[in-house]
Amino acid sequence: MMRGDRMRRAGTALALSVVATVGLAACSVDGTAVREGRSAGTDTGHVDTDRFEKLLAECDVLPAAKIGEAVGGGIADPEFFGANCRWAVATPGVVHVMFNWFEWGSYNHEKDTAKRLGFTTENVKVRSQAGFTARDPKRPGVCGVTAKAPGGGIYTWWVEPRQPPAGDACAAPIRLMEMILTGAY
């Protein structure tokens, strides 16, 4: 009986070994991995940032003092500059401010996305420019304002205080939007 167990175990181990070997061999691909639209040997992975004239310039769209002033605090301290620009502003509490400029963004796409995420939206005019507010019903103190950017795409400002604001949650992001749309800073 023990000899039969050993033979079954050895047979099972051999079968598993064959399956693993065949499986690994079946998963190999000949050739060189290349990004779509590129040729083998031409993609170095190096990004020439000189080709992007305004790389991160959108984070300097307003001076830090003006951002802080618009939300009722001191100078805005940068938290992150990348696809989204973020600042923290000391007020009696802390207010987080975020700005993004999607150069190829679509106003309608942004509004549809806000609605899909469960935000309530309201059409507004900011210095004669069509825009909309976006509010999260679960966080009534948070507001975002999106408008078409004069040079193309869309601008969005989000303001999120730790404590709900005394007045309209959208007042601060609307002020920020007015400043960049008019250059009044």
N, C-alpha and C. Protein backbone atom coordinates (compact mmCIF):
# COMPACT_ATOMS: atom_id res chain seq x y z
N MET A 1 0.82 -1.19 0.00
CA MET A 1 0.00 0.00 0.00
C MET A 1 0.86 1.25 0.00
N MET A 2 1.91 1.26 0.76
CA MET A 2 2.78 2.42 0.81
C MET A 2 3.46 2.64 -0.52
N ARG A 3 3.83 1.57 -1.19
CA ARG A 3 4.49 1.70 -2.48
C ARG A 3 3.52 2.35 -3.48
N GLY A 4 2.24 2.01 -3.44
CA GLY A 4 1.24 2.59 -4.33
C GLY A 4 1.06 4.08 -4.06
N ASP A 5 1.08 4.47 -2.77
CA ASP A 5 0.98 5.89 -2.40
C ASP A 5 2.15 6.68 -2.96
N ARG A 6 3.35 6.09 -2.82
CA ARG A 6 4.55 6.77 -3.32
C ARG A 6 4.48 6.93 -4.83
N MET A 7 4.00 5.92 -5.52
CA MET A 7 3.93 5.98 -6.97
C MET A 7 2.90 7.03 -7.41
N ARG A 8 1.76 7.07 -6.70
CA ARG A 8 0.76 8.08 -7.04
C ARG A 8 1.30 9.48 -6.79
N ARG A 9 2.00 9.67 -5.68
CA ARG A 9 2.57 10.99 -5.37
C ARG A 9 3.63 11.37 -6.41
N ALA A 10 4.47 10.43 -6.77
CA ALA A 10 5.51 10.71 -7.76
C ALA A 10 4.86 11.02 -9.11
N GLY A 11 3.81 10.30 -9.46
CA GLY A 11 3.10 10.55 -10.72
C GLY A 11 2.44 11.92 -10.71
N THR A 12 1.85 12.28 -9.58
CA THR A 12 1.21 13.60 -9.45
C THR A 12 2.26 14.69 -9.56
N ALA A 13 3.39 14.51 -8.87
CA ALA A 13 4.46 15.51 -8.92
C ALA A 13 4.99 15.66 -10.33
N LEU A 14 5.16 14.54 -11.04
CA LEU A 14 5.64 14.59 -12.42
C LEU A 14 4.63 15.32 -13.31
N ALA A 15 3.36 15.02 -13.13
CA ALA A 15 2.31 15.67 -13.93
C ALA A 15 2.29 17.18 -13.67
N LEU A 16 2.38 17.60 -12.41
CA LEU A 16 2.40 19.01 -12.07
C LEU A 16 3.64 19.70 -12.65
N SER A 17 4.76 19.01 -12.63
CA SER A 17 5.99 19.56 -13.19
C SER A 17 5.85 19.78 -14.69
N VAL A 18 5.26 18.83 -15.39
CA VAL A 18 5.07 18.94 -16.84
C VAL A 18 4.11 20.10 -17.14
N VAL A 19 3.00 20.20 -16.38
CA VAL A 19 2.03 21.27 -16.59
C VAL A 19 2.68 22.62 -16.36
N ALA A 20 3.48 22.77 -15.28
CA ALA A 20 4.14 24.03 -15.00
C ALA A 20 5.13 24.40 -16.11
N THR A 21 5.89 23.42 -16.57
CA THR A 21 6.87 23.69 -17.63
C THR A 21 6.19 24.09 -18.93
N VAL A 22 5.13 23.37 -19.30
CA VAL A 22 4.39 23.69 -20.52
C VAL A 22 3.72 25.05 -20.37
N GLY A 23 3.17 25.32 -19.20
CA GLY A 23 2.51 26.60 -18.95
C GLY A 23 3.48 27.77 -19.08
N LEU A 24 4.68 27.65 -18.53
CA LEU A 24 5.66 28.72 -18.62
C LEU A 24 6.13 28.90 -20.06
N ALA A 25 6.32 27.80 -20.75
CA ALA A 25 6.77 27.89 -22.13
C ALA A 25 5.69 28.52 -23.01
N ALA A 26 4.44 28.24 -22.70
CA ALA A 26 3.34 28.78 -23.51
C ALA A 26 3.16 30.28 -23.27
N CYS A 27 3.72 30.85 -22.17
CA CYS A 27 3.54 32.26 -21.84
C CYS A 27 4.65 33.14 -22.38
N SER A 28 5.65 32.59 -22.99
CA SER A 28 6.75 33.43 -23.47
C SER A 28 6.40 34.04 -24.82
N VAL A 29 6.95 35.21 -25.06
CA VAL A 29 6.71 35.92 -26.31
C VAL A 29 8.07 36.33 -26.86
N ASP A 30 8.29 36.09 -28.11
CA ASP A 30 9.54 36.51 -28.75
C ASP A 30 9.47 37.98 -29.08
N GLY A 31 10.60 38.65 -29.08
CA GLY A 31 10.66 40.04 -29.50
C GLY A 31 10.99 40.97 -28.35
N THR A 32 10.85 42.25 -28.60
CA THR A 32 11.17 43.29 -27.63
C THR A 32 9.91 44.12 -27.37
N ALA A 33 9.66 44.38 -26.10
CA ALA A 33 8.50 45.20 -25.74
C ALA A 33 8.74 46.63 -26.19
N VAL A 34 7.76 47.22 -26.88
CA VAL A 34 7.87 48.57 -27.42
C VAL A 34 6.53 49.27 -27.23
N ARG A 35 6.59 50.55 -26.79
CA ARG A 35 5.35 51.31 -26.67
C ARG A 35 4.68 51.45 -28.03
N GLU A 36 3.36 51.51 -28.02
CA GLU A 36 2.60 51.65 -29.25
C GLU A 36 3.06 52.90 -30.00
N GLY A 37 3.23 52.75 -31.30
CA GLY A 37 3.64 53.87 -32.13
C GLY A 37 5.14 54.10 -32.18
N ARG A 38 5.91 53.27 -31.51
CA ARG A 38 7.37 53.41 -31.48
C ARG A 38 8.03 52.23 -32.18
N SER A 39 9.29 52.37 -32.51
CA SER A 39 10.07 51.29 -33.11
C SER A 39 11.04 50.75 -32.08
N ALA A 40 11.37 49.47 -32.20
CA ALA A 40 12.33 48.85 -31.28
C ALA A 40 13.65 49.61 -31.34
N GLY A 41 14.22 49.90 -30.18
CA GLY A 41 15.52 50.56 -30.11
C GLY A 41 15.46 52.07 -30.16
N THR A 42 14.29 52.66 -30.41
CA THR A 42 14.20 54.13 -30.50
C THR A 42 13.63 54.75 -29.23
N ASP A 43 13.03 53.97 -28.36
CA ASP A 43 12.38 54.51 -27.16
C ASP A 43 13.34 54.38 -25.98
N THR A 44 13.97 55.50 -25.60
CA THR A 44 14.94 55.46 -24.51
C THR A 44 14.29 55.64 -23.15
N GLY A 45 13.03 56.09 -23.12
CA GLY A 45 12.36 56.36 -21.85
C GLY A 45 12.66 57.77 -21.35
N HIS A 46 13.56 58.47 -22.00
CA HIS A 46 13.92 59.84 -21.61
C HIS A 46 12.83 60.80 -22.09
N VAL A 47 12.36 61.65 -21.19
CA VAL A 47 11.37 62.67 -21.55
C VAL A 47 12.07 64.02 -21.59
N ASP A 48 12.04 64.66 -22.71
CA ASP A 48 12.65 65.97 -22.87
C ASP A 48 11.68 67.02 -22.36
N THR A 49 11.88 67.46 -21.12
CA THR A 49 10.96 68.42 -20.52
C THR A 49 11.07 69.80 -21.16
N ASP A 50 12.11 70.05 -21.95
CA ASP A 50 12.21 71.33 -22.66
C ASP A 50 11.11 71.47 -23.70
N ARG A 51 10.52 70.35 -24.12
CA ARG A 51 9.44 70.39 -25.10
C ARG A 51 8.14 70.89 -24.47
N PHE A 52 8.07 70.89 -23.15
CA PHE A 52 6.87 71.32 -22.44
C PHE A 52 7.15 72.69 -21.84
N GLU A 53 6.83 73.73 -22.59
CA GLU A 53 7.19 75.09 -22.21
C GLU A 53 6.64 75.52 -20.86
N LYS A 54 5.44 75.08 -20.52
CA LYS A 54 4.80 75.56 -19.30
C LYS A 54 4.65 74.44 -18.27
N LEU A 55 5.61 73.54 -18.24
CA LEU A 55 5.55 72.43 -17.30
C LEU A 55 5.45 72.97 -15.87
N LEU A 56 4.36 72.69 -15.21
CA LEU A 56 4.05 73.11 -13.85
C LEU A 56 3.86 74.62 -13.69
N ALA A 57 3.85 75.38 -14.79
CA ALA A 57 3.63 76.82 -14.69
C ALA A 57 2.22 77.12 -14.19
N GLU A 58 1.29 76.19 -14.40
CA GLU A 58 -0.07 76.45 -13.93
C GLU A 58 -0.13 76.59 -12.41
N CYS A 59 0.84 76.02 -11.71
CA CYS A 59 0.85 76.15 -10.26
C CYS A 59 1.24 77.55 -9.81
N ASP A 60 1.77 78.34 -10.72
CA ASP A 60 2.13 79.73 -10.43
C ASP A 60 1.11 80.71 -10.97
N VAL A 61 -0.09 80.23 -11.30
CA VAL A 61 -1.10 81.07 -11.92
C VAL A 61 -1.52 82.22 -11.00
N LEU A 62 -1.46 82.01 -9.70
CA LEU A 62 -1.74 83.07 -8.73
C LEU A 62 -0.64 83.05 -7.66
N PRO A 63 -0.26 84.22 -7.16
CA PRO A 63 0.70 84.26 -6.06
C PRO A 63 0.10 83.61 -4.80
N ALA A 64 0.96 82.98 -4.01
CA ALA A 64 0.51 82.28 -2.79
C ALA A 64 -0.24 83.21 -1.85
N ALA A 65 0.16 84.47 -1.79
CA ALA A 65 -0.53 85.42 -0.91
C ALA A 65 -1.96 85.66 -1.37
N LYS A 66 -2.19 85.71 -2.68
CA LYS A 66 -3.54 85.94 -3.22
C LYS A 66 -4.43 84.72 -2.99
N ILE A 67 -3.87 83.52 -3.09
CA ILE A 67 -4.65 82.31 -2.82
C ILE A 67 -5.09 82.32 -1.37
N GLY A 68 -4.15 82.62 -0.47
CA GLY A 68 -4.47 82.69 0.96
C GLY A 68 -5.52 83.74 1.26
N GLU A 69 -5.38 84.90 0.66
CA GLU A 69 -6.33 86.01 0.86
C GLU A 69 -7.73 85.61 0.39
N ALA A 70 -7.82 84.93 -0.74
CA ALA A 70 -9.13 84.54 -1.29
C ALA A 70 -9.89 83.58 -0.38
N VAL A 71 -9.17 82.79 0.41
CA VAL A 71 -9.85 81.84 1.29
C VAL A 71 -9.86 82.30 2.74
N GLY A 72 -9.43 83.55 2.97
CA GLY A 72 -9.52 84.12 4.31
C GLY A 72 -8.39 83.74 5.24
N GLY A 73 -7.19 83.57 4.70
CA GLY A 73 -6.07 83.19 5.56
C GLY A 73 -4.78 83.86 5.15
N GLY A 74 -3.69 83.26 5.59
CA GLY A 74 -2.36 83.78 5.27
C GLY A 74 -1.87 83.23 3.94
N ILE A 75 -0.57 83.26 3.77
CA ILE A 75 0.04 82.79 2.52
C ILE A 75 -0.18 81.29 2.38
N ALA A 76 -0.53 80.88 1.17
CA ALA A 76 -0.78 79.46 0.89
C ALA A 76 0.56 78.72 0.81
N ASP A 77 0.67 77.64 1.56
CA ASP A 77 1.87 76.80 1.51
C ASP A 77 1.66 75.69 0.51
N PRO A 78 2.57 75.56 -0.48
CA PRO A 78 2.40 74.49 -1.47
C PRO A 78 2.51 73.12 -0.81
N GLU A 79 1.60 72.23 -1.18
CA GLU A 79 1.63 70.85 -0.70
C GLU A 79 2.08 69.90 -1.80
N PHE A 80 1.67 70.18 -3.03
CA PHE A 80 2.00 69.28 -4.14
C PHE A 80 1.82 70.03 -5.44
N PHE A 81 2.79 69.92 -6.31
CA PHE A 81 2.68 70.49 -7.65
C PHE A 81 2.87 69.36 -8.63
N GLY A 82 1.87 69.09 -9.41
CA GLY A 82 1.90 68.03 -10.41
C GLY A 82 0.72 68.23 -11.31
N ALA A 83 -0.01 67.16 -11.59
CA ALA A 83 -1.21 67.28 -12.42
C ALA A 83 -2.23 68.21 -11.76
N ASN A 84 -2.25 68.21 -10.44
CA ASN A 84 -3.07 69.12 -9.66
C ASN A 84 -2.13 69.91 -8.77
N CYS A 85 -2.42 71.17 -8.58
CA CYS A 85 -1.63 72.02 -7.70
C CYS A 85 -2.41 72.14 -6.39
N ARG A 86 -1.74 71.90 -5.27
CA ARG A 86 -2.43 71.94 -3.98
C ARG A 86 -1.67 72.80 -2.98
N TRP A 87 -2.46 73.50 -2.18
CA TRP A 87 -1.91 74.35 -1.13
C TRP A 87 -2.70 74.13 0.15
N ALA A 88 -2.06 74.43 1.28
CA ALA A 88 -2.73 74.50 2.59
C ALA A 88 -2.63 75.94 3.06
N VAL A 89 -3.74 76.47 3.53
CA VAL A 89 -3.79 77.86 3.99
C VAL A 89 -4.20 77.86 5.45
N ALA A 90 -3.38 78.53 6.27
CA ALA A 90 -3.72 78.66 7.69
C ALA A 90 -4.75 79.77 7.85
N THR A 91 -5.86 79.40 8.43
CA THR A 91 -6.93 80.33 8.78
C THR A 91 -7.17 80.04 10.27
N PRO A 92 -8.27 80.40 10.84
CA PRO A 92 -8.51 79.88 12.19
C PRO A 92 -8.46 78.35 12.22
N GLY A 93 -8.62 77.72 11.07
CA GLY A 93 -8.42 76.27 10.90
C GLY A 93 -7.43 76.09 9.76
N VAL A 94 -7.64 75.07 8.96
CA VAL A 94 -6.81 74.86 7.76
C VAL A 94 -7.75 74.71 6.57
N VAL A 95 -7.40 75.36 5.48
CA VAL A 95 -8.17 75.25 4.25
C VAL A 95 -7.26 74.66 3.18
N HIS A 96 -7.73 73.61 2.55
CA HIS A 96 -6.98 73.00 1.44
C HIS A 96 -7.54 73.54 0.13
N VAL A 97 -6.62 73.95 -0.75
CA VAL A 97 -7.00 74.54 -2.03
C VAL A 97 -6.34 73.71 -3.12
N MET A 98 -7.10 73.42 -4.18
CA MET A 98 -6.55 72.67 -5.30
C MET A 98 -6.93 73.38 -6.60
N PHE A 99 -5.99 73.42 -7.53
CA PHE A 99 -6.23 74.00 -8.85
C PHE A 99 -5.75 73.02 -9.90
N ASN A 100 -6.52 72.91 -10.99
CA ASN A 100 -6.02 72.17 -12.14
C ASN A 100 -6.43 72.88 -13.41
N TRP A 101 -5.60 72.69 -14.40
CA TRP A 101 -5.86 73.23 -15.74
C TRP A 101 -5.64 72.08 -16.70
N PHE A 102 -6.74 71.56 -17.21
CA PHE A 102 -6.65 70.50 -18.21
C PHE A 102 -6.70 71.18 -19.57
N GLU A 103 -5.55 71.31 -20.21
CA GLU A 103 -5.43 72.07 -21.44
C GLU A 103 -6.30 71.54 -22.57
N TRP A 104 -6.59 70.25 -22.53
CA TRP A 104 -7.46 69.66 -23.56
C TRP A 104 -8.77 69.19 -22.93
N GLY A 105 -9.05 69.70 -21.73
CA GLY A 105 -10.26 69.30 -21.03
C GLY A 105 -11.52 69.86 -21.66
N SER A 106 -12.60 69.19 -21.40
CA SER A 106 -13.89 69.60 -21.94
C SER A 106 -14.81 70.00 -20.78
N TYR A 107 -15.40 71.15 -20.90
CA TYR A 107 -16.34 71.67 -19.90
C TYR A 107 -17.46 70.65 -19.66
N ASN A 108 -18.07 70.17 -20.73
CA ASN A 108 -19.18 69.22 -20.59
C ASN A 108 -18.73 67.91 -19.96
N HIS A 109 -17.54 67.44 -20.32
CA HIS A 109 -17.02 66.20 -19.73
C HIS A 109 -16.83 66.37 -18.22
N GLU A 110 -16.28 67.51 -17.81
CA GLU A 110 -16.06 67.76 -16.37
C GLU A 110 -17.39 67.81 -15.62
N LYS A 111 -18.37 68.46 -16.22
CA LYS A 111 -19.67 68.57 -15.57
C LYS A 111 -20.34 67.20 -15.47
N ASP A 112 -20.29 66.44 -16.56
CA ASP A 112 -20.86 65.08 -16.54
C ASP A 112 -20.16 64.21 -15.49
N THR A 113 -18.85 64.35 -15.38
CA THR A 113 -18.09 63.57 -14.39
C THR A 113 -18.50 63.95 -12.98
N ALA A 114 -18.65 65.24 -12.71
CA ALA A 114 -19.07 65.69 -11.38
C ALA A 114 -20.43 65.09 -11.02
N LYS A 115 -21.35 65.10 -11.96
CA LYS A 115 -22.68 64.52 -11.71
C LYS A 115 -22.59 63.02 -11.48
N ARG A 116 -21.77 62.35 -12.28
CA ARG A 116 -21.60 60.89 -12.13
C ARG A 116 -21.02 60.53 -10.76
N LEU A 117 -20.20 61.43 -10.21
CA LEU A 117 -19.61 61.20 -8.89
C LEU A 117 -20.56 61.57 -7.75
N GLY A 118 -21.74 62.03 -8.10
CA GLY A 118 -22.75 62.35 -7.08
C GLY A 118 -22.74 63.79 -6.60
N PHE A 119 -21.94 64.66 -7.23
CA PHE A 119 -21.93 66.07 -6.86
C PHE A 119 -23.15 66.76 -7.45
N THR A 120 -23.62 67.78 -6.75
CA THR A 120 -24.67 68.62 -7.32
C THR A 120 -23.96 69.76 -8.06
N THR A 121 -24.48 70.12 -9.20
CA THR A 121 -23.86 71.19 -9.98
C THR A 121 -24.86 72.32 -10.19
N GLU A 122 -24.30 73.52 -10.35
CA GLU A 122 -25.13 74.70 -10.61
C GLU A 122 -24.38 75.59 -11.59
N ASN A 123 -25.06 76.01 -12.63
CA ASN A 123 -24.45 76.91 -13.61
C ASN A 123 -24.23 78.27 -12.97
N VAL A 124 -23.05 78.86 -13.23
CA VAL A 124 -22.72 80.19 -12.74
C VAL A 124 -22.00 80.96 -13.84
N LYS A 125 -21.96 82.26 -13.71
CA LYS A 125 -21.16 83.12 -14.59
C LYS A 125 -20.04 83.67 -13.73
N VAL A 126 -18.82 83.54 -14.23
CA VAL A 126 -17.68 84.10 -13.53
C VAL A 126 -17.01 85.06 -14.50
N ARG A 127 -17.18 86.36 -14.24
CA ARG A 127 -16.65 87.39 -15.13
C ARG A 127 -17.05 87.15 -16.58
N SER A 128 -18.32 86.96 -16.78
CA SER A 128 -18.93 86.74 -18.10
C SER A 128 -18.57 85.40 -18.73
N GLN A 129 -17.89 84.57 -18.01
CA GLN A 129 -17.49 83.25 -18.53
C GLN A 129 -18.42 82.18 -17.93
N ALA A 130 -18.93 81.27 -18.76
CA ALA A 130 -19.77 80.19 -18.25
C ALA A 130 -18.95 79.27 -17.35
N GLY A 131 -19.56 78.90 -16.26
CA GLY A 131 -18.91 77.99 -15.32
C GLY A 131 -19.97 77.20 -14.57
N PHE A 132 -19.50 76.32 -13.70
CA PHE A 132 -20.43 75.60 -12.83
C PHE A 132 -19.75 75.31 -11.51
N THR A 133 -20.59 75.24 -10.47
CA THR A 133 -20.09 74.82 -9.16
C THR A 133 -20.38 73.34 -9.01
N ALA A 134 -19.57 72.69 -8.20
CA ALA A 134 -19.79 71.29 -7.88
C ALA A 134 -19.68 71.15 -6.36
N ARG A 135 -20.71 70.56 -5.78
CA ARG A 135 -20.74 70.38 -4.32
C ARG A 135 -21.01 68.92 -4.01
N ASP A 136 -20.33 68.45 -2.98
CA ASP A 136 -20.53 67.08 -2.51
C ASP A 136 -21.56 67.13 -1.38
N PRO A 137 -22.74 66.54 -1.57
CA PRO A 137 -23.77 66.59 -0.53
C PRO A 137 -23.29 66.02 0.82
N LYS A 138 -22.30 65.14 0.79
CA LYS A 138 -21.78 64.54 2.03
C LYS A 138 -20.81 65.48 2.75
N ARG A 139 -20.27 66.46 2.03
CA ARG A 139 -19.32 67.43 2.60
C ARG A 139 -19.74 68.83 2.17
N PRO A 140 -20.74 69.40 2.84
CA PRO A 140 -21.32 70.67 2.40
C PRO A 140 -20.36 71.86 2.44
N GLY A 141 -19.26 71.78 3.14
CA GLY A 141 -18.31 72.89 3.20
C GLY A 141 -17.33 72.92 2.04
N VAL A 142 -17.39 71.91 1.17
CA VAL A 142 -16.46 71.78 0.05
C VAL A 142 -17.13 72.25 -1.23
N CYS A 143 -16.40 73.02 -2.04
CA CYS A 143 -16.95 73.47 -3.31
C CYS A 143 -15.85 73.55 -4.36
N GLY A 144 -16.22 73.20 -5.58
CA GLY A 144 -15.34 73.36 -6.72
C GLY A 144 -16.02 74.21 -7.77
N VAL A 145 -15.23 74.99 -8.50
CA VAL A 145 -15.76 75.81 -9.58
C VAL A 145 -14.94 75.52 -10.83
N THR A 146 -15.62 75.23 -11.92
CA THR A 146 -14.96 74.94 -13.20
C THR A 146 -15.44 75.94 -14.23
N ALA A 147 -14.51 76.42 -15.05
CA ALA A 147 -14.84 77.34 -16.14
C ALA A 147 -13.90 77.05 -17.31
N LYS A 148 -14.32 77.49 -18.49
CA LYS A 148 -13.47 77.34 -19.66
C LYS A 148 -12.26 78.26 -19.50
N ALA A 149 -11.09 77.73 -19.81
CA ALA A 149 -9.87 78.52 -19.76
C ALA A 149 -9.76 79.34 -21.04
N PRO A 150 -9.38 80.62 -20.94
CA PRO A 150 -9.30 81.46 -22.13
C PRO A 150 -8.37 80.90 -23.21
N GLY A 151 -7.29 80.24 -22.80
CA GLY A 151 -6.34 79.71 -23.77
C GLY A 151 -6.67 78.30 -24.24
N GLY A 152 -7.79 77.76 -23.78
CA GLY A 152 -8.19 76.41 -24.15
C GLY A 152 -8.26 75.51 -22.93
N GLY A 153 -9.12 74.54 -23.00
CA GLY A 153 -9.30 73.61 -21.89
C GLY A 153 -10.18 74.17 -20.80
N ILE A 154 -9.97 73.67 -19.58
CA ILE A 154 -10.79 74.11 -18.44
C ILE A 154 -9.91 74.36 -17.22
N TYR A 155 -10.35 75.30 -16.38
CA TYR A 155 -9.75 75.55 -15.08
C TYR A 155 -10.73 75.02 -14.04
N THR A 156 -10.19 74.51 -12.94
CA THR A 156 -11.02 74.13 -11.79
C THR A 156 -10.30 74.52 -10.51
N TRP A 157 -11.02 75.16 -9.61
CA TRP A 157 -10.55 75.45 -8.25
C TRP A 157 -11.42 74.67 -7.28
N TRP A 158 -10.82 73.97 -6.33
CA TRP A 158 -11.53 73.29 -5.24
C TRP A 158 -11.04 73.89 -3.94
N VAL A 159 -11.98 74.18 -3.05
CA VAL A 159 -11.63 74.69 -1.73
C VAL A 159 -12.31 73.80 -0.70
N GLU A 160 -11.48 73.28 0.22
CA GLU A 160 -11.98 72.36 1.24
C GLU A 160 -11.47 72.76 2.62
N PRO A 161 -12.30 73.50 3.38
CA PRO A 161 -11.89 73.84 4.74
C PRO A 161 -12.11 72.67 5.69
N ARG A 162 -11.29 72.60 6.73
CA ARG A 162 -11.48 71.54 7.74
C ARG A 162 -12.80 71.75 8.49
N GLN A 163 -13.10 73.03 8.79
CA GLN A 163 -14.38 73.36 9.41
C GLN A 163 -15.24 74.03 8.34
N PRO A 164 -16.54 73.74 8.32
CA PRO A 164 -17.41 74.36 7.32
C PRO A 164 -17.31 75.89 7.38
N PRO A 165 -17.31 76.54 6.23
CA PRO A 165 -17.20 78.01 6.22
C PRO A 165 -18.47 78.66 6.77
N ALA A 166 -18.31 79.89 7.25
CA ALA A 166 -19.44 80.62 7.82
C ALA A 166 -20.47 80.98 6.74
N GLY A 167 -20.01 81.29 5.53
CA GLY A 167 -20.92 81.68 4.45
C GLY A 167 -21.01 80.62 3.38
N ASP A 168 -21.14 81.06 2.15
CA ASP A 168 -21.26 80.19 1.00
C ASP A 168 -19.95 79.46 0.74
N ALA A 169 -19.99 78.17 0.67
CA ALA A 169 -18.78 77.37 0.43
C ALA A 169 -18.16 77.65 -0.93
N CYS A 170 -18.95 78.15 -1.87
CA CYS A 170 -18.44 78.41 -3.22
C CYS A 170 -17.87 79.81 -3.40
N ALA A 171 -17.98 80.66 -2.39
CA ALA A 171 -17.49 82.04 -2.52
C ALA A 171 -15.98 82.08 -2.78
N ALA A 172 -15.19 81.30 -2.05
CA ALA A 172 -13.74 81.34 -2.21
C ALA A 172 -13.29 80.80 -3.58
N PRO A 173 -13.77 79.64 -4.02
CA PRO A 173 -13.32 79.20 -5.35
C PRO A 173 -13.80 80.12 -6.47
N ILE A 174 -14.94 80.77 -6.31
CA ILE A 174 -15.39 81.73 -7.31
C ILE A 174 -14.45 82.93 -7.34
N ARG A 175 -14.01 83.42 -6.15
CA ARG A 175 -13.04 84.53 -6.10
C ARG A 175 -11.75 84.15 -6.80
N LEU A 176 -11.27 82.94 -6.54
CA LEU A 176 -10.03 82.47 -7.18
C LEU A 176 -10.20 82.42 -8.71
N MET A 177 -11.35 81.92 -9.15
CA MET A 177 -11.60 81.83 -10.59
C MET A 177 -11.67 83.23 -11.20
N GLU A 178 -12.33 84.16 -10.50
CA GLU A 178 -12.39 85.54 -11.02
C GLU A 178 -11.00 86.12 -11.20
N MET A 179 -10.12 85.86 -10.25
CA MET A 179 -8.76 86.42 -10.33
C MET A 179 -8.01 85.89 -11.54
N ILE A 180 -8.11 84.60 -11.82
CA ILE A 180 -7.32 84.10 -12.95
C ILE A 180 -7.98 84.42 -14.29
N LEU A 181 -9.30 84.53 -14.31
CA LEU A 181 -9.96 84.86 -15.57
C LEU A 181 -9.75 86.32 -15.99
N THR A 182 -9.59 87.19 -15.00
CA THR A 182 -9.40 88.62 -15.31
C THR A 182 -7.96 89.07 -15.20
N GLY A 183 -7.13 88.26 -14.57
CA GLY A 183 -5.74 88.66 -14.35
C GLY A 183 -5.64 89.73 -13.27
N ALA A 184 -6.68 89.86 -12.46
CA ALA A 184 -6.73 90.91 -11.43
C ALA A 184 -6.08 90.44 -10.14
N TYR A 185 -4.77 90.42 -10.15
CA TYR A 185 -4.06 90.05 -8.92
C TYR A 185 -2.76 90.73 -8.79
